[in-house]
């Protein structure tokens, strides 16, 4: 290293120790120390020398001062060396953590869409305290303390510092290493303190929240009650979150006809479209073990789930389309259109890219099912006792096709089109087509995501739609 460079680094070490470097100088010094082992060694030596020079003998007694000074003991010099090395290590961390006040990094962004965020949303961006508003996909934050958070859209999170954040709404999964014990997540009505573990949190701006521990130990402080509650692996705490999501309210305002048309839409070029709101159309879902549940048929979305870990949580969706408009006409082509909705039940982190199968019920005696009387015991083409709980009875259905939803996706549409769907509609004799939607992909851990699709009761999204091209 040239003398000029040594002098420059010596000056920088002094100003660094006195905390007099500006942001631009900090950035340049950090880059130089990371890239050059020689620079790091000289920087450590400079800090070592400063530490020795700053040693204060004033704690000695007056008698010791008057006596002949003794050489500093070896242990002290070793301590100085260790302190200097630690100072360099901490200094590099401090340089990164205090540059412009950043406390975390956005290390992964998967299928993400953002709205209203005050922080940068580019993968790899350093983050200061501020707001992140994720409306689509999965995002991973790594705090400088070592804690990692997986945000599952839709989620709004406020970054506070390297050891604290606030979940304003939505869901996240936190993994906290030993060095970050004490990392906390605030919600409107609770504070979750981690003691080196992995856990999930869901919360809403009305105060409802849920905590589930996957590994280790967390402590939950409810702001409305004294004391705290400790939760271990497999335990959870639910303060109204699941109930609010299991019984969602349909929109209060009348539906625009373009979303839930009760008539046939002429789409041009021979194409016509109907939804489950037309004629005798229906949409609902079933859950394993459930008796008839009238509110399922009134929900603004149908839910679909497959899990081998907790079979009682499996769900399938049922759709019925009124085909009377196409009686006596030749069907040339057809397409099913489904609108994905965030169910806000379960963790997307525990379900990989998922495949869904759509079946058509070929036994027309089972087309007369009722939305508010559908159950795991009486659903069409379903046997509650069969081993393959995520499948219908094979002899009573025809596979119409499959589609996929990537991990973290909770908005958009999926379409199914092809010869199998056309042939199924052509064989109809009772003017009703019943379809079953099943997920074929299992979750990787308990409490995986429940997928959802908008129904005719939805206030803002399109109901299941069948587009048919007739001659």
Protein backbone atom coordinates (compact mmCIF):
# COMPACT_ATOMS: atom_id res chain seq x y z
CA UNK A 1 0.00 0.00 0.00
CA UNK A 2 1.37 3.43 -0.96
CA UNK A 3 2.18 5.93 1.80
CA UNK A 4 -0.47 8.29 0.47
CA UNK A 5 -3.11 5.57 0.79
CA UNK A 6 -1.93 4.73 4.30
CA UNK A 7 -2.14 8.35 5.36
CA UNK A 8 -5.63 8.64 3.83
CA UNK A 9 -6.85 5.50 5.65
CA UNK A 10 -5.28 6.69 8.90
CA UNK A 11 -7.16 9.97 8.63
CA UNK A 12 -10.39 8.12 7.79
CA UNK A 13 -9.94 5.80 10.79
CA UNK A 14 -9.64 8.82 13.10
CA UNK A 15 -12.69 10.51 11.65
CA UNK A 16 -14.57 7.19 11.70
CA UNK A 17 -13.80 6.73 15.41
CA UNK A 18 -15.04 10.27 16.05
CA UNK A 19 -18.18 9.60 13.93
CA UNK A 20 -17.41 12.49 11.60
CA UNK A 21 -17.70 10.73 8.24
CA UNK A 22 -20.53 11.82 5.95
CA UNK A 23 -22.73 9.37 4.01
CA UNK A 24 -20.63 9.50 0.83
CA UNK A 25 -17.39 8.84 2.73
CA UNK A 26 -18.99 5.97 4.64
CA UNK A 27 -20.11 4.37 1.40
CA UNK A 28 -16.63 4.66 -0.16
CA UNK A 29 -14.87 3.35 2.97
CA UNK A 30 -17.21 0.39 3.24
CA UNK A 31 -16.53 -0.58 -0.38
CA UNK A 32 -12.75 -0.29 0.06
CA UNK A 33 -12.67 -2.42 3.23
CA UNK A 34 -14.77 -5.13 1.64
CA UNK A 35 -12.60 -5.32 -1.48
CA UNK A 36 -9.08 -5.05 0.02
CA UNK A 37 -7.60 -7.33 2.70
CA UNK A 38 -4.59 -4.98 2.90
CA UNK A 39 -6.87 -2.03 3.61
CA UNK A 40 -8.73 -3.99 6.30
CA UNK A 41 -5.45 -4.95 7.99
CA UNK A 42 -4.18 -1.35 7.99
CA UNK A 43 -7.55 -0.05 9.24
CA UNK A 44 -7.47 -2.58 12.13
CA UNK A 45 -3.89 -1.56 12.98
CA UNK A 46 -4.87 2.12 13.02
CA UNK A 47 -7.76 1.45 15.38
CA UNK A 48 -5.51 -0.70 17.55
CA UNK A 49 -3.01 2.14 17.84
CA UNK A 50 -5.76 4.64 18.69
CA UNK A 51 -7.12 2.33 21.38
CA UNK A 52 -3.69 2.09 23.05
CA UNK A 53 -3.16 5.84 22.89
CA UNK A 54 -6.58 6.45 24.39
CA UNK A 55 -5.92 4.18 27.38
CA UNK A 56 -6.57 6.16 30.59
CA UNK A 57 -4.36 5.43 33.67
CA UNK A 58 -6.44 7.67 35.94
CA UNK A 59 -8.00 4.69 37.69
CA UNK A 60 -4.62 3.83 39.29
CA UNK A 61 -4.14 4.88 42.91
CA UNK A 62 -1.92 7.88 43.70
CA UNK A 63 0.71 5.54 45.09
CA UNK A 64 0.86 3.68 41.83
CA UNK A 65 1.20 6.94 39.94
CA UNK A 66 4.15 8.00 42.11
CA UNK A 67 5.85 4.62 41.72
CA UNK A 68 7.85 3.62 38.72
CA UNK A 69 5.38 2.84 35.94
CA UNK A 70 5.16 -0.82 35.15
CA UNK A 71 4.75 -2.15 31.66
CA UNK A 72 1.19 -2.87 30.68
CA UNK A 73 0.45 -6.58 31.22
CA UNK A 74 0.25 -8.94 28.28
CA UNK A 75 -3.45 -9.54 28.89
CA UNK A 76 -4.14 -5.86 28.32
CA UNK A 77 -2.37 -5.85 24.96
CA UNK A 78 -4.31 -8.94 23.93
CA UNK A 79 -7.52 -7.23 25.00
CA UNK A 80 -6.58 -4.15 22.95
CA UNK A 81 -5.94 -6.32 19.88
CA UNK A 82 -9.24 -8.16 20.30
CA UNK A 83 -11.07 -4.88 20.85
CA UNK A 84 -9.57 -3.42 17.70
CA UNK A 85 -10.50 -6.48 15.64
CA UNK A 86 -14.02 -6.40 17.06
CA UNK A 87 -14.16 -2.70 16.32
CA UNK A 88 -13.36 -3.33 12.66
CA UNK A 89 -15.94 -6.11 12.41
CA UNK A 90 -18.59 -4.01 14.11
CA UNK A 91 -17.46 -0.99 12.14
CA UNK A 92 -18.14 -2.64 8.81
CA UNK A 93 -21.58 -3.68 10.09
CA UNK A 94 -22.13 -0.16 11.47
CA UNK A 95 -21.07 1.40 8.19
CA UNK A 96 -23.71 -0.63 6.37
CA UNK A 97 -26.41 -0.29 9.00
CA UNK A 98 -26.06 3.44 9.51
CA UNK A 99 -25.51 4.48 5.94
CA UNK A 100 -28.58 6.60 5.28
CA UNK A 101 -30.20 4.90 8.27
CA UNK A 102 -30.84 1.55 6.54
CA UNK A 103 -31.77 -1.42 8.75
CA UNK A 104 -32.85 -4.21 6.39
CA UNK A 105 -32.53 -5.60 2.86
CA UNK A 106 -35.17 -6.79 0.40
CA UNK A 107 -33.42 -10.04 -0.54
CA UNK A 108 -36.11 -11.69 -2.67
CA UNK A 109 -39.09 -10.52 -4.68
CA UNK A 110 -41.27 -13.22 -6.27
CA UNK A 111 -44.13 -12.25 -8.59
CA UNK A 112 -44.43 -9.02 -6.61
CA UNK A 113 -46.62 -6.00 -7.21
CA UNK A 114 -46.45 -3.05 -4.83
CA UNK A 115 -48.72 -0.12 -4.05
CA UNK A 116 -48.26 2.87 -1.77
CA UNK A 117 -44.83 1.81 -0.45
CA UNK A 118 -42.54 4.52 0.90
CA UNK A 119 -39.48 2.24 0.54
CA UNK A 120 -37.67 0.93 -2.56
CA UNK A 121 -39.10 -2.35 -3.85
CA UNK A 122 -36.28 -3.51 -6.13
CA UNK A 123 -34.75 -6.83 -5.15
CA UNK A 124 -31.51 -6.20 -3.26
CA UNK A 125 -32.54 -2.72 -2.08
CA UNK A 126 -31.42 -1.51 1.33
CA UNK A 127 -34.34 -0.34 3.45
CA UNK A 128 -34.68 2.48 5.94
CA UNK A 129 -37.59 2.65 8.39
CA UNK A 130 -40.76 3.04 6.36
CA UNK A 131 -43.75 1.29 4.78
CA UNK A 132 -44.01 -1.66 2.38
CA UNK A 133 -47.38 -2.41 0.80
CA UNK A 134 -47.38 -5.73 -1.07
CA UNK A 135 -50.48 -6.50 -3.13
CA UNK A 136 -49.22 -9.51 -5.06
CA UNK A 137 -46.57 -12.20 -4.61
CA UNK A 138 -44.01 -13.07 -1.92
CA UNK A 139 -41.22 -10.84 -0.64
CA UNK A 140 -38.40 -11.70 1.78
CA UNK A 141 -36.84 -9.09 4.08
CA UNK A 142 -33.62 -9.71 5.98
CA UNK A 143 -33.08 -7.35 8.88
CA UNK A 144 -29.55 -6.41 9.90
CA UNK A 145 -30.13 -8.31 13.13
CA UNK A 146 -30.44 -11.53 11.09
CA UNK A 147 -34.22 -11.92 11.32
CA UNK A 148 -35.97 -12.83 8.04
CA UNK A 149 -39.60 -12.12 7.19
CA UNK A 150 -41.57 -13.59 4.30
CA UNK A 151 -44.38 -11.19 3.39
CA UNK A 152 -47.40 -12.86 1.80
CA UNK A 153 -49.59 -10.55 -0.25
CA UNK A 154 -51.73 -8.73 0.48
CA UNK A 155 -49.65 -7.39 3.37
CA UNK A 156 -48.65 -3.99 4.71
CA UNK A 157 -45.56 -3.88 6.93
CA UNK A 158 -43.81 -0.96 8.59
CA UNK A 159 -40.04 -1.41 9.04
CA UNK A 160 -39.06 0.24 12.34
CA UNK A 161 -35.46 -0.78 13.03
CA UNK A 162 -33.20 -3.85 12.90
CA UNK A 163 -35.11 -5.53 15.74
CA UNK A 164 -38.70 -4.33 15.27
CA UNK A 165 -41.43 -4.03 12.68
CA UNK A 166 -45.19 -3.54 12.59
CA UNK A 167 -47.64 -5.71 10.64
CA UNK A 168 -50.49 -3.35 9.82
CA UNK A 169 -52.46 -5.96 7.87
CA UNK A 170 -51.93 -9.29 6.17
CA UNK A 171 -49.71 -12.29 6.82
CA UNK A 172 -46.00 -12.95 7.29
CA UNK A 173 -43.74 -15.82 8.34
CA UNK A 174 -40.72 -14.93 10.50
CA UNK A 175 -37.53 -16.91 10.99
CA UNK A 176 -35.30 -15.54 13.74
CA UNK A 177 -31.78 -16.87 14.39
CA UNK A 178 -30.25 -16.95 17.91
CA UNK A 179 -28.39 -13.66 17.45
CA UNK A 180 -31.69 -11.85 16.83
CA UNK A 181 -33.57 -13.15 19.87
CA UNK A 182 -35.99 -10.53 21.07
CA UNK A 183 -37.02 -9.47 17.55
CA UNK A 184 -40.60 -8.20 17.79
CA UNK A 185 -43.57 -7.80 15.47
CA UNK A 186 -46.22 -5.30 16.46
CA UNK A 187 -49.87 -5.41 15.37
CA UNK A 188 -52.74 -3.10 16.29
CA UNK A 189 -53.70 -5.14 19.38
CA UNK A 190 -50.67 -7.36 20.04
CA UNK A 191 -46.90 -7.56 20.21
CA UNK A 192 -45.16 -10.81 19.27
CA UNK A 193 -41.67 -11.23 20.73
CA UNK A 194 -39.50 -13.98 19.33
CA UNK A 195 -36.99 -16.03 21.30
CA UNK A 196 -35.16 -17.66 18.39
CA UNK A 197 -37.75 -19.51 16.32
CA UNK A 198 -40.00 -19.67 13.27
CA UNK A 199 -43.60 -18.52 13.42
CA UNK A 200 -46.43 -16.99 11.40
CA UNK A 201 -48.53 -13.91 12.15
CA UNK A 202 -51.73 -12.67 10.53
CA UNK A 203 -53.36 -9.40 11.47
CA UNK A 204 -55.86 -6.82 10.31
CA UNK A 205 -56.32 -3.12 10.93
CA UNK A 206 -59.40 -3.86 13.07
CA UNK A 207 -57.21 -5.52 15.71
CA UNK A 208 -57.92 -9.18 14.96
CA UNK A 209 -54.78 -11.32 14.84
CA UNK A 210 -53.47 -14.88 14.82
CA UNK A 211 -50.06 -16.31 15.81
CA UNK A 212 -48.87 -19.84 15.06
CA UNK A 213 -45.49 -21.21 16.21
CA UNK A 214 -43.71 -23.58 13.84
CA UNK A 215 -40.48 -23.96 15.81
CA UNK A 216 -39.12 -22.67 19.11
CA UNK A 217 -40.79 -20.19 21.43
CA UNK A 218 -42.57 -16.84 21.12
CA UNK A 219 -44.21 -14.52 23.62
CA UNK A 220 -47.42 -12.69 22.79
CA UNK A 221 -48.47 -9.55 24.62
CA UNK A 222 -52.12 -8.66 24.04
CA UNK A 223 -52.49 -4.90 24.41
CA UNK A 224 -56.02 -5.26 25.78
CA UNK A 225 -55.17 -7.71 28.58
CA UNK A 226 -52.43 -7.73 31.25
CA UNK A 227 -49.50 -10.11 31.11
CA UNK A 228 -48.25 -12.20 28.22
CA UNK A 229 -48.64 -15.71 26.83
CA UNK A 230 -45.80 -17.98 25.76
CA UNK A 231 -46.35 -20.30 22.80
CA UNK A 232 -44.25 -23.31 21.82
CA UNK A 233 -43.99 -25.38 18.64
CA UNK A 234 -47.41 -26.39 17.32
CA UNK A 235 -49.27 -23.91 19.52
CA UNK A 236 -51.18 -20.87 18.35
CA UNK A 237 -53.27 -17.94 19.49
CA UNK A 238 -56.28 -16.70 17.53
CA UNK A 239 -58.02 -13.48 18.47
CA UNK A 240 -60.87 -13.42 15.97
CA UNK A 241 -58.74 -13.64 12.81
CA UNK A 242 -59.84 -17.06 11.55
CA UNK A 243 -63.50 -16.45 12.35
CA UNK A 244 -63.47 -13.19 10.39
CA UNK A 245 -61.93 -14.96 7.38
CA UNK A 246 -64.12 -18.09 7.56
CA UNK A 247 -67.31 -16.03 7.56
CA UNK A 248 -66.64 -13.17 5.17
CA UNK A 249 -69.39 -10.70 4.45
CA UNK A 250 -70.59 -10.27 0.90
CA UNK A 251 -70.59 -6.80 -0.60
CA UNK A 252 -73.34 -4.50 0.64
CA UNK A 253 -73.71 -2.61 -2.61
CA UNK A 254 -75.63 -3.90 -5.64
CA UNK A 255 -73.46 -5.72 -8.14
CA UNK A 256 -72.61 -4.04 -11.43
CA UNK A 257 -74.17 -6.12 -14.18
CA UNK A 258 -70.83 -6.42 -15.95
CA UNK A 259 -69.46 -8.42 -13.01
CA UNK A 260 -72.35 -10.73 -12.17
CA UNK A 261 -74.58 -10.76 -15.25
CA UNK A 262 -77.92 -12.50 -14.83
CA UNK A 263 -78.23 -12.55 -18.62
CA UNK A 264 -76.19 -13.93 -21.49
CA UNK A 265 -73.45 -11.60 -22.74
CA UNK A 266 -72.87 -11.44 -26.48
CA UNK A 267 -69.08 -11.27 -26.81
CA UNK A 268 -69.08 -11.14 -30.61
CA UNK A 269 -67.83 -13.54 -33.27
CA UNK A 270 -70.27 -16.20 -32.08
CA UNK A 271 -69.03 -16.12 -28.48
CA UNK A 272 -71.51 -15.84 -25.63
CA UNK A 273 -70.75 -15.73 -21.92
CA UNK A 274 -72.67 -16.72 -18.81
CA UNK A 275 -71.70 -16.74 -15.15
CA UNK A 276 -72.92 -18.74 -12.18
CA UNK A 277 -75.33 -15.84 -11.57
CA UNK A 278 -77.29 -16.69 -14.74
CA UNK A 279 -80.50 -18.74 -14.44
CA UNK A 280 -80.02 -21.84 -12.29
CA UNK A 281 -76.29 -21.23 -11.87
CA UNK A 282 -74.69 -21.89 -8.47
CA UNK A 283 -71.32 -21.80 -6.71
CA UNK A 284 -70.26 -23.18 -3.33
CA UNK A 285 -67.62 -25.38 -1.69
CA UNK A 286 -67.31 -28.23 0.80
CA UNK A 287 -64.93 -28.91 3.67
CA UNK A 288 -63.93 -32.30 5.04
CA UNK A 289 -66.21 -33.53 7.82
CA UNK A 290 -68.53 -30.54 7.61
CA UNK A 291 -72.28 -30.95 7.89
CA UNK A 292 -74.38 -28.81 5.53
CA UNK A 293 -73.10 -25.26 5.98
CA UNK A 294 -75.56 -22.74 4.47
CA UNK A 295 -73.14 -19.81 4.64
CA UNK A 296 -70.67 -21.53 2.29
CA UNK A 297 -73.08 -20.85 -0.55
CA UNK A 298 -73.24 -17.19 0.44
CA UNK A 299 -69.51 -16.52 0.59
CA UNK A 300 -67.92 -14.09 -1.89
CA UNK A 301 -65.44 -16.82 -2.85
CA UNK A 302 -65.10 -20.59 -2.94
CA UNK A 303 -62.14 -22.17 -1.17
CA UNK A 304 -59.90 -25.02 -2.37
CA UNK A 305 -57.24 -26.85 -0.33
CA UNK A 306 -55.37 -30.15 -0.26
CA UNK A 307 -53.39 -31.30 2.77
CA UNK A 308 -52.29 -34.72 3.96
CA UNK A 309 -51.24 -33.28 7.32
CA UNK A 310 -54.72 -32.25 8.44
CA UNK A 311 -57.33 -34.00 6.25
CA UNK A 312 -60.18 -32.26 8.06
CA UNK A 313 -59.16 -29.00 6.36
CA UNK A 314 -59.48 -30.25 2.76
CA UNK A 315 -61.84 -28.26 0.54
CA UNK A 316 -63.29 -28.55 -2.99
CA UNK A 317 -65.24 -26.04 -5.07
CA UNK A 318 -68.47 -26.72 -6.97
CA UNK A 319 -69.85 -24.67 -9.88
CA UNK A 320 -73.06 -25.10 -11.86
CA UNK A 321 -73.81 -23.36 -15.16
CA UNK A 322 -77.25 -22.99 -16.73
CA UNK A 323 -76.83 -24.12 -20.36
CA UNK A 324 -80.43 -23.52 -21.45
CA UNK A 325 -79.36 -20.70 -23.79
CA UNK A 326 -77.36 -23.17 -25.89
CA UNK A 327 -79.98 -25.89 -26.27
CA UNK A 328 -80.30 -27.06 -29.86
CA UNK A 329 -77.17 -25.14 -30.96
CA UNK A 330 -73.83 -26.59 -31.96
CA UNK A 331 -71.03 -25.75 -29.48
CA UNK A 332 -67.75 -25.20 -31.34
CA UNK A 333 -65.50 -23.93 -28.57
CA UNK A 334 -65.63 -23.15 -24.83
CA UNK A 335 -63.57 -21.55 -22.09
CA UNK A 336 -63.89 -21.47 -18.31
CA UNK A 337 -62.65 -18.27 -16.61
CA UNK A 338 -61.95 -18.13 -12.87
CA UNK A 339 -60.94 -15.06 -10.85
CA UNK A 340 -58.38 -15.65 -8.09
CA UNK A 341 -59.09 -14.04 -4.72
CA UNK A 342 -56.90 -13.78 -1.58
CA UNK A 343 -58.46 -16.11 1.00
CA UNK A 344 -56.17 -14.83 3.80
CA UNK A 345 -56.30 -18.29 5.38
CA UNK A 346 -53.04 -20.18 5.87
CA UNK A 347 -49.49 -19.33 4.82
CA UNK A 348 -48.46 -19.14 1.16
CA UNK A 349 -44.88 -19.94 2.20
CA UNK A 350 -45.97 -23.53 2.92
CA UNK A 351 -47.57 -24.22 -0.47
CA UNK A 352 -45.39 -24.39 -3.62
CA UNK A 353 -46.57 -23.61 -7.15
CA UNK A 354 -49.92 -25.41 -7.25
CA UNK A 355 -51.74 -27.46 -9.87
CA UNK A 356 -55.55 -27.50 -10.01
CA UNK A 357 -57.75 -29.99 -11.83
CA UNK A 358 -61.25 -29.22 -13.15
CA UNK A 359 -63.71 -32.09 -13.53
CA UNK A 360 -67.14 -32.29 -15.13
CA UNK A 361 -69.83 -34.39 -13.42
CA UNK A 362 -71.16 -36.89 -15.98
CA UNK A 363 -73.92 -38.35 -13.79
CA UNK A 364 -76.70 -35.84 -14.49
CA UNK A 365 -78.74 -37.18 -11.58
CA UNK A 366 -76.32 -35.25 -9.36
CA UNK A 367 -76.79 -31.86 -11.04
CA UNK A 368 -79.62 -30.77 -8.74
CA UNK A 369 -77.44 -29.89 -5.73
CA UNK A 370 -78.33 -26.81 -3.67
CA UNK A 371 -75.85 -24.10 -2.69
CA UNK A 372 -76.98 -23.96 0.91
CA UNK A 373 -77.28 -27.70 1.45
CA UNK A 374 -73.97 -28.88 0.01
CA UNK A 375 -71.71 -30.86 2.35
CA UNK A 376 -68.83 -33.34 2.50
CA UNK A 377 -71.43 -36.09 2.90
CA UNK A 378 -73.78 -35.27 0.00
CA UNK A 379 -71.70 -33.47 -2.65
CA UNK A 380 -71.93 -34.72 -6.27
CA UNK A 381 -69.32 -37.28 -7.43
CA UNK A 382 -67.83 -37.36 -3.95
CA UNK A 383 -67.21 -40.19 -1.48
CA UNK A 384 -66.29 -39.03 2.02
CA UNK A 385 -64.75 -42.44 2.74
CA UNK A 386 -62.39 -42.69 -0.23
CA UNK A 387 -58.64 -42.42 0.32
CA UNK A 388 -58.03 -39.72 -2.30
CA UNK A 389 -59.80 -36.90 -0.50
CA UNK A 390 -58.63 -34.30 -3.02
CA UNK A 391 -60.24 -36.16 -5.94
CA UNK A 392 -63.84 -36.83 -7.01
CA UNK A 393 -65.16 -40.34 -7.66
CA UNK A 394 -63.43 -41.25 -10.91
CA UNK A 395 -66.38 -43.12 -12.44
CA UNK A 396 -68.68 -40.11 -12.08
CA UNK A 397 -66.52 -37.38 -13.64
CA UNK A 398 -64.47 -36.44 -16.68
CA UNK A 399 -61.21 -34.52 -16.41
CA UNK A 400 -61.68 -31.27 -18.34
CA UNK A 401 -58.20 -29.83 -17.82
CA UNK A 402 -55.68 -28.37 -15.39
CA UNK A 403 -54.16 -24.98 -14.58
CA UNK A 404 -51.48 -23.67 -12.23
CA UNK A 405 -51.13 -20.85 -9.71
CA UNK A 406 -47.60 -19.84 -8.75
CA UNK A 407 -46.63 -19.51 -5.10
CA UNK A 408 -47.76 -16.20 -3.64
CA UNK A 409 -50.19 -15.30 -6.43
CA UNK A 410 -53.57 -14.18 -5.09
CA UNK A 411 -54.96 -12.03 -7.89
CA UNK A 412 -55.67 -12.43 -11.59
CA UNK A 413 -57.56 -14.97 -13.65
CA UNK A 414 -57.05 -18.53 -14.82
CA UNK A 415 -58.58 -19.96 -17.98
CA UNK A 416 -59.35 -23.51 -19.04
CA UNK A 417 -60.05 -24.25 -22.70
CA UNK A 418 -59.93 -27.31 -24.91
CA UNK A 419 -61.60 -30.27 -26.54
CA UNK A 420 -62.44 -32.03 -23.26
CA UNK A 421 -64.50 -29.06 -22.08
CA UNK A 422 -66.28 -28.77 -25.44
CA UNK A 423 -67.10 -32.48 -25.57
CA UNK A 424 -68.43 -32.39 -22.01
CA UNK A 425 -70.78 -29.49 -22.79
CA UNK A 426 -71.96 -31.13 -26.02
CA UNK A 427 -73.08 -34.27 -24.16
CA UNK A 428 -75.33 -32.31 -21.79
CA UNK A 429 -79.01 -33.31 -21.84
CA UNK A 430 -80.48 -31.52 -18.81
CA UNK A 431 -79.24 -27.95 -19.47
CA UNK A 432 -76.96 -27.96 -16.41
CA UNK A 433 -73.20 -28.45 -16.19
CA UNK A 434 -71.61 -29.17 -12.79
CA UNK A 435 -67.86 -28.60 -12.43
CA UNK A 436 -65.56 -29.53 -9.53
CA UNK A 437 -62.28 -27.74 -8.79
CA UNK A 438 -59.63 -29.66 -6.83
CA UNK A 439 -56.07 -28.79 -5.84
CA UNK A 440 -53.57 -31.53 -6.57
CA UNK A 441 -50.60 -29.96 -4.75
CA UNK A 442 -50.06 -30.73 -1.08
CA UNK A 443 -48.70 -28.21 1.41
CA UNK A 444 -45.16 -28.57 2.74
CA UNK A 445 -46.13 -27.74 6.34
CA UNK A 446 -49.29 -27.46 8.40
CA UNK A 447 -51.30 -24.25 8.01
CA UNK A 448 -50.61 -23.94 4.29
CA UNK A 449 -52.56 -21.50 2.12
CA UNK A 450 -56.19 -22.02 1.18
CA UNK A 451 -56.74 -20.90 -2.43
CA UNK A 452 -59.90 -19.00 -3.32
CA UNK A 453 -61.92 -17.94 -6.37
CA UNK A 454 -64.58 -15.23 -6.62
CA UNK A 455 -68.26 -16.23 -6.68
CA UNK A 456 -71.47 -14.53 -7.81
CA UNK A 457 -71.76 -13.10 -4.29
CA UNK A 458 -68.47 -11.23 -4.63
CA UNK A 459 -68.68 -7.45 -4.39
CA UNK A 460 -65.86 -6.47 -6.72
CA UNK A 461 -64.62 -9.45 -8.73
CA UNK A 462 -66.10 -11.48 -11.56
CA UNK A 463 -68.03 -14.67 -10.83
CA UNK A 464 -66.99 -17.96 -12.51
CA UNK A 465 -67.65 -17.48 -16.21
CA UNK A 466 -68.29 -19.90 -19.04
CA UNK A 467 -67.61 -18.54 -22.52
CA UNK A 468 -69.17 -20.60 -25.30
CA UNK A 469 -68.83 -20.23 -29.07
CA UNK A 470 -71.88 -21.51 -30.94
CA UNK A 471 -72.50 -21.96 -34.62
